[in-house]
Amino acid sequence: MTVDNGGNGAGGSVRTDTWLWSVRLVKTRSQATAACRAGHVRVNGARVKPAHPLRPGDEVRLRQGIRERIVEVRKLVRKRVGAPVAAECLVDNSPPPPVS
């Protein structure tokens, strides 16, 4: 497991697509890259490319179909981690899913 607390010099950032995949917001890194390229990912309100560096405290918005996930980056991870560790790496501020 590679977990960084961030803010410790030059190594304090991770690619957006890598982080989205690592914390299990998307199933594959290819899906994360495609979402960034399609404009479905925003960091602190701005559309970003897949290689945009994330830092702790950043707000990430991910549009998935009709749902928008809003999360705050708590910890940086470069490798895919289990669900309990992934939950520690973000704060989920998403609204409840729409009722059909």
PDB file of N, CA and C in Angstrom:
ATOM      1  N   MET A   1       0.846  -1.179   0.000  1.00  0.00           N
ATOM      2  CA  MET A   1       0.000   0.000   0.000  1.00  0.00           C
ATOM      3  C   MET A   1       0.883   1.231   0.000  1.00  0.00           C
ATOM      4  N   THR A   2       0.587   2.160  -0.909  1.00  0.00           N
ATOM      5  CA  THR A   2       1.331   3.407  -0.988  1.00  0.00           C
ATOM      6  C   THR A   2       0.403   4.545  -0.607  1.00  0.00           C
ATOM      7  N   VAL A   3       0.519   5.024   0.619  1.00  0.00           N
ATOM      8  CA  VAL A   3      -0.304   6.134   1.086  1.00  0.00           C
ATOM      9  C   VAL A   3       0.619   7.267   1.472  1.00  0.00           C
ATOM     10  N   ASP A   4       0.344   8.452   0.921  1.00  0.00           N
ATOM     11  CA  ASP A   4       1.107   9.644   1.267  1.00  0.00           C
ATOM     12  C   ASP A   4       0.192  10.584   2.027  1.00  0.00           C
ATOM     13  N   ASN A   5       0.715  11.222   3.042  1.00  0.00           N
ATOM     14  CA  ASN A   5      -0.068  12.228   3.746  1.00  0.00           C
ATOM     15  C   ASN A   5      -0.017  13.552   3.024  1.00  0.00           C
ATOM     16  N   GLY A   6       0.832  13.646   2.010  1.00  0.00           N
ATOM     17  CA  GLY A   6       0.912  14.858   1.194  1.00  0.00           C
ATOM     18  C   GLY A   6       1.565  16.005   1.935  1.00  0.00           C
ATOM     19  N   GLY A   7       1.894  17.037   1.188  1.00  0.00           N
ATOM     20  CA  GLY A   7       2.465  18.227   1.784  1.00  0.00           C
ATOM     21  C   GLY A   7       3.896  18.073   2.245  1.00  0.00           C
ATOM     22  N   ASN A   8       4.529  16.964   1.926  1.00  0.00           N
ATOM     23  CA  ASN A   8       5.896  16.729   2.380  1.00  0.00           C
ATOM     24  C   ASN A   8       6.878  16.932   1.238  1.00  0.00           C
ATOM     25  N   GLY A   9       6.991  18.140   0.763  1.00  0.00           N
ATOM     26  CA  GLY A   9       7.977  18.436  -0.271  1.00  0.00           C
ATOM     27  C   GLY A   9       7.481  18.117  -1.656  1.00  0.00           C
ATOM     28  N   ALA A  10       8.410  17.694  -2.520  1.00  0.00           N
ATOM     29  CA  ALA A  10       8.125  17.521  -3.941  1.00  0.00           C
ATOM     30  C   ALA A  10       7.163  16.374  -4.223  1.00  0.00           C
ATOM     31  N   GLY A  11       7.088  15.375  -3.354  1.00  0.00           N
ATOM     32  CA  GLY A  11       6.242  14.216  -3.608  1.00  0.00           C
ATOM     33  C   GLY A  11       4.813  14.391  -3.151  1.00  0.00           C
ATOM     34  N   GLY A  12       4.317  15.603  -3.008  1.00  0.00           N
ATOM     35  CA  GLY A  12       3.008  15.845  -2.426  1.00  0.00           C
ATOM     36  C   GLY A  12       1.863  15.912  -3.401  1.00  0.00           C
ATOM     37  N   SER A  13       1.927  15.215  -4.540  1.00  0.00           N
ATOM     38  CA  SER A  13       0.802  15.223  -5.474  1.00  0.00           C
ATOM     39  C   SER A  13       0.724  13.893  -6.215  1.00  0.00           C
ATOM     40  N   VAL A  14      -0.476  13.614  -6.747  1.00  0.00           N
ATOM     41  CA  VAL A  14      -0.741  12.389  -7.499  1.00  0.00           C
ATOM     42  C   VAL A  14      -1.611  12.764  -8.695  1.00  0.00           C
ATOM     43  N   ARG A  15      -1.446  12.062  -9.810  1.00  0.00           N
ATOM     44  CA  ARG A  15      -2.285  12.296 -10.994  1.00  0.00           C
ATOM     45  C   ARG A  15      -3.757  12.083 -10.641  1.00  0.00           C
ATOM     46  N   THR A  16      -4.620  12.889 -11.230  1.00  0.00           N
ATOM     47  CA  THR A  16      -6.056  12.793 -10.969  1.00  0.00           C
ATOM     48  C   THR A  16      -6.613  11.429 -11.357  1.00  0.00           C
ATOM     49  N   ASP A  17      -6.287  10.941 -12.558  1.00  0.00           N
ATOM     50  CA  ASP A  17      -6.833   9.651 -12.989  1.00  0.00           C
ATOM     51  C   ASP A  17      -6.367   8.506 -12.095  1.00  0.00           C
ATOM     52  N   THR A  18      -5.119   8.556 -11.662  1.00  0.00           N
ATOM     53  CA  THR A  18      -4.585   7.517 -10.782  1.00  0.00           C
ATOM     54  C   THR A  18      -5.308   7.518  -9.442  1.00  0.00           C
ATOM     55  N   TRP A  19      -5.523   8.696  -8.880  1.00  0.00           N
ATOM     56  CA  TRP A  19      -6.183   8.792  -7.575  1.00  0.00           C
ATOM     57  C   TRP A  19      -7.633   8.318  -7.649  1.00  0.00           C
ATOM     58  N   LEU A  20      -8.364   8.716  -8.705  1.00  0.00           N
ATOM     59  CA  LEU A  20      -9.756   8.281  -8.851  1.00  0.00           C
ATOM     60  C   LEU A  20      -9.859   6.760  -8.888  1.00  0.00           C
ATOM     61  N   TRP A  21      -8.933   6.123  -9.590  1.00  0.00           N
ATOM     62  CA  TRP A  21      -8.909   4.663  -9.671  1.00  0.00           C
ATOM     63  C   TRP A  21      -8.474   4.051  -8.339  1.00  0.00           C
ATOM     64  N   SER A  22      -7.467   4.633  -7.707  1.00  0.00           N
ATOM     65  CA  SER A  22      -6.918   4.086  -6.468  1.00  0.00           C
ATOM     66  C   SER A  22      -7.930   4.056  -5.334  1.00  0.00           C
ATOM     67  N   VAL A  23      -8.782   5.079  -5.250  1.00  0.00           N
ATOM     68  CA  VAL A  23      -9.761   5.142  -4.157  1.00  0.00           C
ATOM     69  C   VAL A  23     -11.118   4.565  -4.560  1.00  0.00           C
ATOM     70  N   ARG A  24     -11.149   3.868  -5.700  1.00  0.00           N
ATOM     71  CA  ARG A  24     -12.310   3.101  -6.134  1.00  0.00           C
ATOM     72  C   ARG A  24     -13.527   3.938  -6.515  1.00  0.00           C
ATOM     73  N   LEU A  25     -13.300   5.152  -7.023  1.00  0.00           N
ATOM     74  CA  LEU A  25     -14.416   5.937  -7.551  1.00  0.00           C
ATOM     75  C   LEU A  25     -14.766   5.492  -8.968  1.00  0.00           C
ATOM     76  N   VAL A  26     -13.807   4.860  -9.660  1.00  0.00           N
ATOM     77  CA  VAL A  26     -14.036   4.254 -10.973  1.00  0.00           C
ATOM     78  C   VAL A  26     -13.405   2.865 -10.968  1.00  0.00           C
ATOM     79  N   LYS A  27     -13.876   1.996 -11.869  1.00  0.00           N
ATOM     80  CA  LYS A  27     -13.389   0.616 -11.881  1.00  0.00           C
ATOM     81  C   LYS A  27     -12.007   0.466 -12.494  1.00  0.00           C
ATOM     82  N   THR A  28     -11.706   1.269 -13.520  1.00  0.00           N
ATOM     83  CA  THR A  28     -10.412   1.136 -14.186  1.00  0.00           C
ATOM     84  C   THR A  28      -9.768   2.506 -14.354  1.00  0.00           C
ATOM     85  N   ARG A  29      -8.460   2.497 -14.500  1.00  0.00           N
ATOM     86  CA  ARG A  29      -7.769   3.757 -14.734  1.00  0.00           C
ATOM     87  C   ARG A  29      -8.140   4.314 -16.106  1.00  0.00           C
ATOM     88  N   SER A  30      -8.408   3.445 -17.061  1.00  0.00           N
ATOM     89  CA  SER A  30      -8.845   3.896 -18.385  1.00  0.00           C
ATOM     90  C   SER A  30     -10.159   4.666 -18.291  1.00  0.00           C
ATOM     91  N   GLN A  31     -11.076   4.214 -17.445  1.00  0.00           N
ATOM     92  CA  GLN A  31     -12.333   4.932 -17.246  1.00  0.00           C
ATOM     93  C   GLN A  31     -12.083   6.296 -16.609  1.00  0.00           C
ATOM     94  N   ALA A  32     -11.146   6.363 -15.684  1.00  0.00           N
ATOM     95  CA  ALA A  32     -10.805   7.639 -15.046  1.00  0.00           C
ATOM     96  C   ALA A  32     -10.218   8.603 -16.070  1.00  0.00           C
ATOM     97  N   THR A  33      -9.337   8.099 -16.919  1.00  0.00           N
ATOM     98  CA  THR A  33      -8.729   8.927 -17.962  1.00  0.00           C
ATOM     99  C   THR A  33      -9.791   9.432 -18.932  1.00  0.00           C
ATOM    100  N   ALA A  34     -10.692   8.535 -19.342  1.00  0.00           N
ATOM    101  CA  ALA A  34     -11.758   8.919 -20.272  1.00  0.00           C
ATOM    102  C   ALA A  34     -12.688   9.959 -19.648  1.00  0.00           C
ATOM    103  N   ALA A  35     -12.994   9.816 -18.371  1.00  0.00           N
ATOM    104  CA  ALA A  35     -13.861  10.788 -17.690  1.00  0.00           C
ATOM    105  C   ALA A  35     -13.205  12.162 -17.654  1.00  0.00           C
ATOM    106  N   CYS A  36     -11.909  12.209 -17.398  1.00  0.00           N
ATOM    107  CA  CYS A  36     -11.185  13.488 -17.390  1.00  0.00           C
ATOM    108  C   CYS A  36     -11.210  14.119 -18.775  1.00  0.00           C
ATOM    109  N   ARG A  37     -10.922  13.330 -19.793  1.00  0.00           N
ATOM    110  CA  ARG A  37     -10.881  13.858 -21.165  1.00  0.00           C
ATOM    111  C   ARG A  37     -12.251  14.332 -21.640  1.00  0.00           C
ATOM    112  N   ALA A  38     -13.317  13.698 -21.141  1.00  0.00           N
ATOM    113  CA  ALA A  38     -14.675  14.069 -21.544  1.00  0.00           C
ATOM    114  C   ALA A  38     -15.209  15.265 -20.757  1.00  0.00           C
ATOM    115  N   GLY A  39     -14.444  15.744 -19.782  1.00  0.00           N
ATOM    116  CA  GLY A  39     -14.877  16.896 -19.001  1.00  0.00           C
ATOM    117  C   GLY A  39     -15.782  16.554 -17.833  1.00  0.00           C
ATOM    118  N   HIS A  40     -15.812  15.275 -17.422  1.00  0.00           N
ATOM    119  CA  HIS A  40     -16.671  14.850 -16.321  1.00  0.00           C
ATOM    120  C   HIS A  40     -15.994  14.979 -14.961  1.00  0.00           C
ATOM    121  N   VAL A  41     -14.744  15.424 -14.937  1.00  0.00           N
ATOM    122  CA  VAL A  41     -14.009  15.567 -13.680  1.00  0.00           C
ATOM    123  C   VAL A  41     -13.605  17.023 -13.508  1.00  0.00           C
ATOM    124  N   ARG A  42     -13.911  17.556 -12.330  1.00  0.00           N
ATOM    125  CA  ARG A  42     -13.509  18.926 -11.994  1.00  0.00           C
ATOM    126  C   ARG A  42     -12.756  18.894 -10.673  1.00  0.00           C
ATOM    127  N   VAL A  43     -11.691  19.674 -10.608  1.00  0.00           N
ATOM    128  CA  VAL A  43     -10.928  19.814  -9.368  1.00  0.00           C
ATOM    129  C   VAL A  43     -10.980  21.283  -8.985  1.00  0.00           C
ATOM    130  N   ASN A  44     -11.511  21.544  -7.805  1.00  0.00           N
ATOM    131  CA  ASN A  44     -11.681  22.918  -7.320  1.00  0.00           C
ATOM    132  C   ASN A  44     -12.411  23.783  -8.345  1.00  0.00           C
ATOM    133  N   GLY A  45     -13.414  23.199  -9.023  1.00  0.00           N
ATOM    134  CA  GLY A  45     -14.256  23.939  -9.954  1.00  0.00           C
ATOM    135  C   GLY A  45     -13.777  24.000 -11.391  1.00  0.00           C
ATOM    136  N   ALA A  46     -12.575  23.537 -11.679  1.00  0.00           N
ATOM    137  CA  ALA A  46     -12.025  23.620 -13.037  1.00  0.00           C
ATOM    138  C   ALA A  46     -11.929  22.224 -13.658  1.00  0.00           C
ATOM    139  N   ARG A  47     -12.279  22.128 -14.956  1.00  0.00           N
ATOM    140  CA  ARG A  47     -12.090  20.866 -15.675  1.00  0.00           C
ATOM    141  C   ARG A  47     -10.602  20.573 -15.745  1.00  0.00           C
ATOM    142  N   VAL A  48     -10.257  19.308 -15.613  1.00  0.00           N
ATOM    143  CA  VAL A  48      -8.838  18.950 -15.573  1.00  0.00           C
ATOM    144  C   VAL A  48      -8.524  17.833 -16.551  1.00  0.00           C
ATOM    145  N   LYS A  49      -7.253  17.754 -16.909  1.00  0.00           N
ATOM    146  CA  LYS A  49      -6.736  16.655 -17.715  1.00  0.00           C
ATOM    147  C   LYS A  49      -6.371  15.509 -16.775  1.00  0.00           C
ATOM    148  N   PRO A  50      -6.184  14.299 -17.318  1.00  0.00           N
ATOM    149  CA  PRO A  50      -5.871  13.148 -16.465  1.00  0.00           C
ATOM    150  C   PRO A  50      -4.618  13.319 -15.610  1.00  0.00           C
ATOM    151  N   ALA A  51      -3.624  14.055 -16.100  1.00  0.00           N
ATOM    152  CA  ALA A  51      -2.356  14.190 -15.371  1.00  0.00           C
ATOM    153  C   ALA A  51      -2.350  15.353 -14.382  1.00  0.00           C
ATOM    154  N   HIS A  52      -3.475  16.033 -14.200  1.00  0.00           N
ATOM    155  CA  HIS A  52      -3.522  17.160 -13.261  1.00  0.00           C
ATOM    156  C   HIS A  52      -3.141  16.674 -11.862  1.00  0.00           C
ATOM    157  N   PRO A  53      -2.229  17.376 -11.174  1.00  0.00           N
ATOM    158  CA  PRO A  53      -1.810  16.922  -9.842  1.00  0.00           C
ATOM    159  C   PRO A  53      -2.859  17.233  -8.773  1.00  0.00           C
ATOM    160  N   LEU A  54      -3.170  16.231  -7.966  1.00  0.00           N
ATOM    161  CA  LEU A  54      -4.072  16.409  -6.827  1.00  0.00           C
ATOM    162  C   LEU A  54      -3.256  16.549  -5.559  1.00  0.00           C
ATOM    163  N   ARG A  55      -3.781  17.330  -4.637  1.00  0.00           N
ATOM    164  CA  ARG A  55      -3.143  17.524  -3.335  1.00  0.00           C
ATOM    165  C   ARG A  55      -4.206  17.376  -2.251  1.00  0.00           C
ATOM    166  N   PRO A  56      -3.822  17.043  -1.034  1.00  0.00           N
ATOM    167  CA  PRO A  56      -4.801  16.963   0.051  1.00  0.00           C
ATOM    168  C   PRO A  56      -5.537  18.297   0.196  1.00  0.00           C
ATOM    169  N   GLY A  57      -6.852  18.213   0.393  1.00  0.00           N
ATOM    170  CA  GLY A  57      -7.679  19.402   0.524  1.00  0.00           C
ATOM    171  C   GLY A  57      -8.403  19.782  -0.754  1.00  0.00           C
ATOM    172  N   ASP A  58      -7.999  19.226  -1.901  1.00  0.00           N
ATOM    173  CA  ASP A  58      -8.668  19.524  -3.171  1.00  0.00           C
ATOM    174  C   ASP A  58     -10.081  18.930  -3.178  1.00  0.00           C
ATOM    175  N   GLU A  59     -11.015  19.637  -3.824  1.00  0.00           N
ATOM    176  CA  GLU A  59     -12.367  19.123  -4.014  1.00  0.00           C
ATOM    177  C   GLU A  59     -12.458  18.541  -5.418  1.00  0.00           C
ATOM    178  N   VAL A  60     -12.867  17.282  -5.513  1.00  0.00           N
ATOM    179  CA  VAL A  60     -12.995  16.594  -6.798  1.00  0.00           C
ATOM    180  C   VAL A  60     -14.468  16.305  -7.041  1.00  0.00           C
ATOM    181  N   ARG A  61     -14.952  16.704  -8.216  1.00  0.00           N
ATOM    182  CA  ARG A  61     -16.328  16.413  -8.626  1.00  0.00           C
ATOM    183  C   ARG A  61     -16.268  15.479  -9.823  1.00  0.00           C
ATOM    184  N   LEU A  62     -16.937  14.342  -9.708  1.00  0.00           N
ATOM    185  CA  LEU A  62     -16.948  13.332 -10.763  1.00  0.00           C
ATOM    186  C   LEU A  62     -18.388  13.074 -11.179  1.00  0.00           C
ATOM    187  N   ARG A  63     -18.707  13.353 -12.439  1.00  0.00           N
ATOM    188  CA  ARG A  63     -20.048  13.112 -12.972  1.00  0.00           C
ATOM    189  C   ARG A  63     -20.107  11.675 -13.467  1.00  0.00           C
ATOM    190  N   GLN A  64     -21.039  10.891 -12.901  1.00  0.00           N
ATOM    191  CA  GLN A  64     -21.230   9.499 -13.301  1.00  0.00           C
ATOM    192  C   GLN A  64     -22.698   9.310 -13.656  1.00  0.00           C
ATOM    193  N   GLY A  65     -23.004   9.378 -14.937  1.00  0.00           N
ATOM    194  CA  GLY A  65     -24.394   9.283 -15.374  1.00  0.00           C
ATOM    195  C   GLY A  65     -25.166  10.495 -14.881  1.00  0.00           C
ATOM    196  N   ILE A  66     -26.256  10.261 -14.133  1.00  0.00           N
ATOM    197  CA  ILE A  66     -27.029  11.383 -13.600  1.00  0.00           C
ATOM    198  C   ILE A  66     -26.568  11.786 -12.205  1.00  0.00           C
ATOM    199  N   ARG A  67     -25.615  11.054 -11.649  1.00  0.00           N
ATOM    200  CA  ARG A  67     -25.125  11.326 -10.297  1.00  0.00           C
ATOM    201  C   ARG A  67     -23.800  12.068 -10.348  1.00  0.00           C
ATOM    202  N   GLU A  68     -23.616  12.984  -9.409  1.00  0.00           N
ATOM    203  CA  GLU A  68     -22.334  13.670  -9.281  1.00  0.00           C
ATOM    204  C   GLU A  68     -21.739  13.326  -7.924  1.00  0.00           C
ATOM    205  N   ARG A  69     -20.525  12.784  -7.945  1.00  0.00           N
ATOM    206  CA  ARG A  69     -19.801  12.486  -6.711  1.00  0.00           C
ATOM    207  C   ARG A  69     -18.951  13.692  -6.366  1.00  0.00           C
ATOM    208  N   ILE A  70     -19.046  14.171  -5.143  1.00  0.00           N
ATOM    209  CA  ILE A  70     -18.261  15.302  -4.665  1.00  0.00           C
ATOM    210  C   ILE A  70     -17.449  14.802  -3.480  1.00  0.00           C
ATOM    211  N   VAL A  71     -16.132  14.773  -3.654  1.00  0.00           N
ATOM    212  CA  VAL A  71     -15.265  14.269  -2.593  1.00  0.00           C
ATOM    213  C   VAL A  71     -14.126  15.240  -2.336  1.00  0.00           C
ATOM    214  N   GLU A  72     -13.634  15.221  -1.114  1.00  0.00           N
ATOM    215  CA  GLU A  72     -12.462  16.009  -0.747  1.00  0.00           C
ATOM    216  C   GLU A  72     -11.296  15.049  -0.555  1.00  0.00           C
ATOM    217  N   VAL A  73     -10.162  15.389  -1.128  1.00  0.00           N
ATOM    218  CA  VAL A  73      -8.970  14.547  -1.019  1.00  0.00           C
ATOM    219  C   VAL A  73      -8.405  14.686   0.390  1.00  0.00           C
ATOM    220  N   ARG A  74      -8.289  13.562   1.097  1.00  0.00           N
ATOM    221  CA  ARG A  74      -7.698  13.561   2.428  1.00  0.00           C
ATOM    222  C   ARG A  74      -6.257  13.061   2.384  1.00  0.00           C
ATOM    223  N   LYS A  75      -6.072  11.929   1.723  1.00  0.00           N
ATOM    224  CA  LYS A  75      -4.746  11.317   1.593  1.00  0.00           C
ATOM    225  C   LYS A  75      -4.516  10.964   0.133  1.00  0.00           C
ATOM    226  N   LEU A  76      -3.261  10.945  -0.256  1.00  0.00           N
ATOM    227  CA  LEU A  76      -2.891  10.598  -1.624  1.00  0.00           C
ATOM    228  C   LEU A  76      -2.467   9.138  -1.688  1.00  0.00           C
ATOM    229  N   VAL A  77      -2.975   8.429  -2.685  1.00  0.00           N
ATOM    230  CA  VAL A  77      -2.578   7.038  -2.914  1.00  0.00           C
ATOM    231  C   VAL A  77      -2.244   6.871  -4.384  1.00  0.00           C
ATOM    232  N   ARG A  78      -1.234   6.072  -4.655  1.00  0.00           N
ATOM    233  CA  ARG A  78      -0.801   5.840  -6.034  1.00  0.00           C
ATOM    234  C   ARG A  78      -1.174   4.446  -6.532  1.00  0.00           C
ATOM    235  N   LYS A  79      -1.477   3.544  -5.617  1.00  0.00           N
ATOM    236  CA  LYS A  79      -1.850   2.173  -5.979  1.00  0.00           C
ATOM    237  C   LYS A  79      -3.261   1.904  -5.481  1.00  0.00           C
ATOM    238  N   ARG A  80      -3.969   1.017  -6.158  1.00  0.00           N
ATOM    239  CA  ARG A  80      -5.338   0.677  -5.759  1.00  0.00           C
ATOM    240  C   ARG A  80      -5.314   0.037  -4.375  1.00  0.00           C
ATOM    241  N   VAL A  81      -6.224   0.486  -3.532  1.00  0.00           N
ATOM    242  CA  VAL A  81      -6.273   0.002  -2.155  1.00  0.00           C
ATOM    243  C   VAL A  81      -7.651  -0.586  -1.877  1.00  0.00           C
ATOM    244  N   GLY A  82      -7.756  -1.309  -0.777  1.00  0.00           N
ATOM    245  CA  GLY A  82      -9.031  -1.888  -0.380  1.00  0.00           C
ATOM    246  C   GLY A  82     -10.027  -0.815   0.033  1.00  0.00           C
ATOM    247  N   ALA A  83     -11.290  -1.204   0.094  1.00  0.00           N
ATOM    248  CA  ALA A  83     -12.354  -0.252   0.405  1.00  0.00           C
ATOM    249  C   ALA A  83     -12.174   0.447   1.755  1.00  0.00           C
ATOM    250  N   PRO A  84     -11.770  -0.253   2.831  1.00  0.00           N
ATOM    251  CA  PRO A  84     -11.600   0.450   4.108  1.00  0.00           C
ATOM    252  C   PRO A  84     -10.512   1.527   4.047  1.00  0.00           C
ATOM    253  N   VAL A  85      -9.414   1.246   3.364  1.00  0.00           N
ATOM    254  CA  VAL A  85      -8.333   2.231   3.232  1.00  0.00           C
ATOM    255  C   VAL A  85      -8.778   3.362   2.314  1.00  0.00           C
ATOM    256  N   ALA A  86      -9.496   3.024   1.242  1.00  0.00           N
ATOM    257  CA  ALA A  86      -9.984   4.045   0.311  1.00  0.00           C
ATOM    258  C   ALA A  86     -10.902   5.031   1.022  1.00  0.00           C
ATOM    259  N   ALA A  87     -11.728   4.544   1.942  1.00  0.00           N
ATOM    260  CA  ALA A  87     -12.645   5.423   2.678  1.00  0.00           C
ATOM    261  C   ALA A  87     -11.888   6.434   3.534  1.00  0.00           C
ATOM    262  N   GLU A  88     -10.695   6.072   3.992  1.00  0.00           N
ATOM    263  CA  GLU A  88      -9.880   6.986   4.799  1.00  0.00           C
ATOM    264  C   GLU A  88      -9.202   8.054   3.943  1.00  0.00           C
ATOM    265  N   CYS A  89      -9.141   7.842   2.644  1.00  0.00           N
ATOM    266  CA  CYS A  89      -8.423   8.744   1.746  1.00  0.00           C
ATOM    267  C   CYS A  89      -9.287   9.876   1.207  1.00  0.00           C
ATOM    268  N   LEU A  90     -10.574   9.867   1.519  1.00  0.00           N
ATOM    269  CA  LEU A  90     -11.459  10.909   0.996  1.00  0.00           C
ATOM    270  C   LEU A  90     -12.583  11.200   1.976  1.00  0.00           C
ATOM    271  N   VAL A  91     -13.194  12.359   1.802  1.00  0.00           N
ATOM    272  CA  VAL A  91     -14.410  12.730   2.525  1.00  0.00           C
ATOM    273  C   VAL A  91     -15.490  12.874   1.468  1.00  0.00           C
ATOM    274  N   ASP A  92     -16.532  12.055   1.553  1.00  0.00           N
ATOM    275  CA  ASP A  92     -17.587  12.065   0.539  1.00  0.00           C
ATOM    276  C   ASP A  92     -18.658  13.083   0.919  1.00  0.00           C
ATOM    277  N   ASN A  93     -18.753  14.159   0.147  1.00  0.00           N
ATOM    278  CA  ASN A  93     -19.746  15.211   0.363  1.00  0.00           C
ATOM    279  C   ASN A  93     -20.845  15.163  -0.692  1.00  0.00           C
ATOM    280  N   SER A  94     -21.023  14.005  -1.321  1.00  0.00           N
ATOM    281  CA  SER A  94     -21.992  13.863  -2.412  1.00  0.00           C
ATOM    282  C   SER A  94     -23.417  13.958  -1.886  1.00  0.00           C
ATOM    283  N   PRO A  95     -24.313  14.563  -2.683  1.00  0.00           N
ATOM    284  CA  PRO A  95     -25.729  14.523  -2.314  1.00  0.00           C
ATOM    285  C   PRO A  95     -26.240  13.096  -2.470  1.00  0.00           C
ATOM    286  N   PRO A  96     -27.357  12.763  -1.818  1.00  0.00           N
ATOM    287  CA  PRO A  96     -27.886  11.406  -1.974  1.00  0.00           C
ATOM    288  C   PRO A  96     -28.252  11.137  -3.429  1.00  0.00           C
ATOM    289  N   PRO A  97     -28.171   9.867  -3.848  1.00  0.00           N
ATOM    290  CA  PRO A  97     -28.503   9.549  -5.240  1.00  0.00           C
ATOM    291  C   PRO A  97     -29.964   9.892  -5.537  1.00  0.00           C
ATOM    292  N   PRO A  98     -30.256  10.283  -6.788  1.00  0.00           N
ATOM    293  CA  PRO A  98     -31.636  10.623  -7.140  1.00  0.00           C
ATOM    294  C   PRO A  98     -32.547   9.405  -7.035  1.00  0.00           C
ATOM    295  N   VAL A  99     -33.769   9.652  -6.628  1.00  0.00           N
ATOM    296  CA  VAL A  99     -34.751   8.576  -6.496  1.00  0.00           C
ATOM    297  C   VAL A  99     -35.485   8.440  -7.821  1.00  0.00           C
ATOM    298  N   SER A 100     -35.571   7.200  -8.307  1.00  0.00           N
ATOM    299  CA  SER A 100     -36.222   6.964  -9.607  1.00  0.00           C
ATOM    300  C   SER A 100     -37.711   6.918  -9.467  1.00  0.00           C
TER     301      SER A 100
END
